[in-house]
Structures are given as C-alpha cells and as structure tokens.
C-alpha cells in the first residue's frame, strides 16, 4: 500500500476534496497543517520547489501540487 502525505491549511476546499478522495478510496494518509506547524511548511516548500500552495500531496515519492479531483 502506498504512503500518502497531504500538506494542508484550514478552510482550503481543495485540501478537503483531496482528503475526501483518499478516504473514499480507503487510502490512509498523514496530514500536516502548514499554518500550525512551521516544520511542515518548511518540508512542503522543500518538496514542491518553494511553492506556497496547498494541498501538496506526496504519494509513492511523487509530489503533486493542487488537487482537481478524480
């Protein structure tokens, strides 16, 4: 099973959609709130090339910025 990490912030509808997508698929994910956790923000920026955009999703070592549903 793949490991999924989602970097989010409160009130982000795309973050909520991404989390809902993984929940419906039965895929466990770990969520990091970048507004409450400065370390998570730094890690997200390292992973996505400095973009301050959420959600940033890491799945199977692949980084995706944003969520458009599926």
Protein backbone atom coordinates (compact mmCIF):
# COMPACT_ATOMS: atom_id res chain seq x y z
CA UNK A 1 0.00 0.00 0.00
CA UNK A 2 1.27 3.46 -0.84
CA UNK A 3 2.17 6.08 1.71
CA UNK A 4 0.34 9.37 1.26
CA UNK A 5 1.19 12.67 2.92
CA UNK A 6 -1.01 15.75 2.44
CA UNK A 7 0.13 19.24 3.39
CA UNK A 8 -2.97 21.36 4.07
CA UNK A 9 -4.31 24.53 5.64
CA UNK A 10 -7.67 25.15 7.31
CA UNK A 11 -10.50 26.30 5.06
CA UNK A 12 -8.91 25.04 1.84
CA UNK A 13 -11.64 23.41 -0.29
CA UNK A 14 -9.07 21.60 -2.45
CA UNK A 15 -7.46 20.14 0.66
CA UNK A 16 -10.87 18.91 1.84
CA UNK A 17 -11.57 17.38 -1.58
CA UNK A 18 -8.20 15.61 -1.61
CA UNK A 19 -8.74 14.18 1.88
CA UNK A 20 -12.25 13.07 0.92
CA UNK A 21 -10.89 11.39 -2.21
CA UNK A 22 -8.35 9.33 -0.27
CA UNK A 23 -10.89 8.45 2.42
CA UNK A 24 -13.38 7.21 -0.20
CA UNK A 25 -10.61 5.12 -1.79
CA UNK A 26 -9.76 3.63 1.61
CA UNK A 27 -6.23 5.02 1.42
CA UNK A 28 -4.69 6.06 4.72
CA UNK A 29 -2.93 9.42 4.66
CA UNK A 30 -0.98 11.59 7.05
CA UNK A 31 -1.99 15.24 7.15
CA UNK A 32 0.23 18.18 8.07
CA UNK A 33 -1.27 21.62 8.68
CA UNK A 34 1.30 24.08 7.34
CA UNK A 35 -0.25 27.06 9.13
CA UNK A 36 0.10 25.40 12.56
CA UNK A 37 3.40 23.58 12.00
CA UNK A 38 6.39 25.63 10.75
CA UNK A 39 8.40 22.43 10.24
CA UNK A 40 5.70 21.05 7.97
CA UNK A 41 5.71 24.29 5.99
CA UNK A 42 9.49 24.06 5.51
CA UNK A 43 9.23 20.41 4.43
CA UNK A 44 6.43 21.20 1.98
CA UNK A 45 8.46 24.03 0.43
CA UNK A 46 11.45 21.72 0.03
CA UNK A 47 9.33 19.05 -1.61
CA UNK A 48 7.43 21.25 -4.05
CA UNK A 49 10.12 23.68 -5.12
CA UNK A 50 9.17 26.58 -2.85
CA UNK A 51 5.52 26.87 -3.86
CA UNK A 52 3.21 28.06 -1.08
CA UNK A 53 0.30 26.12 -2.49
CA UNK A 54 -1.84 23.51 -0.78
CA UNK A 55 -2.67 20.80 -0.97
CA UNK A 56 0.75 19.44 -1.68
CA UNK A 57 0.41 15.67 -1.89
CA UNK A 58 3.23 13.16 -1.71
CA UNK A 59 2.28 9.68 -2.88
CA UNK A 60 4.82 6.97 -3.70
CA UNK A 61 7.59 9.61 -3.63
CA UNK A 62 5.77 11.66 -6.28
CA UNK A 63 4.87 15.26 -5.39
CA UNK A 64 1.66 16.81 -6.72
CA UNK A 65 0.69 20.42 -6.05
CA UNK A 66 -3.05 21.08 -6.02
CA UNK A 67 -5.99 18.71 -6.38
CA UNK A 68 -8.52 18.62 -9.18
CA UNK A 69 -10.48 15.53 -8.20
CA UNK A 70 -10.89 12.21 -9.87
